[in-house]
N, C-alpha and C. Protein backbone atom coordinates (compact mmCIF):
# COMPACT_ATOMS: atom_id res chain seq x y z
N MET A 1 0.53 -1.34 -0.04
CA MET A 1 0.16 -0.22 0.06
C MET A 1 1.15 1.01 0.28
N TRP A 2 2.11 1.00 1.02
CA TRP A 2 2.82 2.22 0.53
C TRP A 2 3.29 2.55 -0.24
N VAL A 3 3.43 0.94 -1.54
CA VAL A 3 4.86 1.31 -3.18
C VAL A 3 3.44 2.27 -3.27
N PHE A 4 2.24 2.52 -3.16
CA PHE A 4 0.95 4.10 -3.66
C PHE A 4 1.21 4.51 -3.82
N ILE A 5 0.85 4.99 -1.91
CA ILE A 5 0.59 5.54 -1.51
C ILE A 5 1.86 6.81 -2.07
N GLY A 6 3.13 6.62 -1.63
CA GLY A 6 4.80 6.87 -1.93
C GLY A 6 4.27 8.30 -3.03
N PRO A 7 4.69 7.17 -4.34
CA PRO A 7 4.17 8.79 -5.03
C PRO A 7 2.91 9.13 -5.48
N VAL A 8 2.15 9.19 -4.80
CA VAL A 8 0.91 9.77 -5.15
C VAL A 8 1.26 10.69 -3.96
N VAL A 9 1.21 10.98 -2.69
CA VAL A 9 1.80 11.58 -1.84
C VAL A 9 3.03 13.40 -2.46
N ARG A 10 3.83 12.86 -3.37
CA ARG A 10 5.39 12.77 -3.77
C ARG A 10 4.45 13.58 -5.06
N CYS A 11 3.81 13.21 -5.50
CA CYS A 11 3.57 14.47 -6.97
C CYS A 11 2.16 15.23 -6.18
N ALA A 12 0.88 15.22 -5.16
CA ALA A 12 1.15 16.26 -4.62
C ALA A 12 1.15 17.29 -3.81
N VAL A 13 2.80 16.79 -3.45
CA VAL A 13 3.63 18.05 -3.02
C VAL A 13 3.86 19.11 -3.87
N VAL A 14 4.43 17.76 -5.17
CA VAL A 14 5.32 18.33 -5.96
C VAL A 14 3.43 19.97 -7.34
N ILE A 15 2.37 19.38 -6.96
CA ILE A 15 1.49 20.19 -7.87
C ILE A 15 1.29 21.04 -7.01
N VAL A 16 1.78 21.28 -5.29
CA VAL A 16 1.20 22.34 -4.44
C VAL A 16 1.89 23.23 -4.93
N LEU A 17 3.88 22.67 -4.05
CA LEU A 17 4.10 23.64 -4.85
C LEU A 17 5.33 24.38 -6.35
N LEU A 18 3.78 23.54 -7.46
CA LEU A 18 4.35 24.33 -8.14
C LEU A 18 2.94 25.86 -8.17
N THR A 19 1.71 25.48 -7.57
CA THR A 19 0.85 25.94 -8.01
C THR A 19 1.42 27.21 -6.10
N PHE A 20 2.00 27.04 -5.46
CA PHE A 20 2.08 27.93 -4.76
C PHE A 20 2.88 28.97 -4.67
N LEU A 21 4.45 28.87 -6.09
CA LEU A 21 5.51 29.01 -6.28
C LEU A 21 4.65 30.35 -7.67
N SER A 22 4.18 29.56 -8.36
CA SER A 22 3.59 30.29 -9.55
C SER A 22 2.73 31.86 -9.67
């Protein structure tokens, strides 16, 4: 399950950072 949650959380953090910076 963590194998699936890992990438999802990582992508979510990247999207939030990109949205906040732009």
